[in-house]
Amino acid sequence: MEVFSKTDIGLVRNENQDSSAYSVISSDCAWAVICDGMGGAHGGKTASSSAVKYISEYIGREYKDDMDNEALCEMLIAAVDGANLTVYKLAMEDYELAGMGTTCDLVFVRSEIAHVVHVGDSRTYSIRNGKILQITEDHSLVQEMVRRGELTPDQAMKHPNKNLITRALGISHEVHIDYIEAEFSEGDRLLICSDGLSNYVSKADMVRTVEENDGDIIIDTLIEIAKRHGGHDNITVTVIY
């Protein structure tokens, strides 16, 4: 199992407020996390980097090879819960950080299962045999409008409020976390990204890039496509296969 990851400031922003980390534990076990921060001059970067640091250290300390899937699920949710409290407390202690928060997509792959913990509008996709499946569902205003039938998915992509999210780490002392299990088979590729990628790169381009390339070339190509289509946001992308 291999993981490739990169974050890029994009073409417009003055600071990269995305953060990411990953670890390959064994030949059939790896994890990756992406957080996209928001809030204030330095709040977004503080939120995302603090969350990634907490999650990375928590997994490193708590994961055991003999955990069953239920225990693994509990550990991953506890890691994100703890990251939420960490960011929330930092915001409460420093008025310059008030209101900061971050999205979070944490993916832990072991054997034939991808365990996905999700908050916000960063995304996790599965690509298999030329087809792409979005595993996560955005916690955003426009996604709620799509769910109610008020917008089509294509309209949501161009909506002026597409970046307004309804859930994030650090906004409250409690956060509602999505947990999803997805099948992971040989040949599958998982793509985890911030909205700086998903808002600018089509699903067709994602599939084509992932299937025609390997390793860092996948990451670099996807980032270049996002920049070519505007690059107005920070861009972070991770691929596991």
Foldseek 3Di string as FASTA:
>chain_A
DDKFKDWFFFDADPDQLKDKDKDDPDPFKIKIKIKQKDDAPCQSNCLRVLLRVQLVVQCVPPDDPPDDPVVVLVSNVVSNLVSLQVLQVVLVVDVRNPPMFIWMWMWITGHFKIKIKTWAAWWKWKADPLDIDTQDQHQFPVSVCVVVVNDPPVRLLVDPRVRGGDFTRNNDNDGDMDIDMDTHDPPMKMKTKDVLQVSQDDPNNLSVLVVVDDHVSSVVVSSVSSNVRPRNGMIIMMMDD
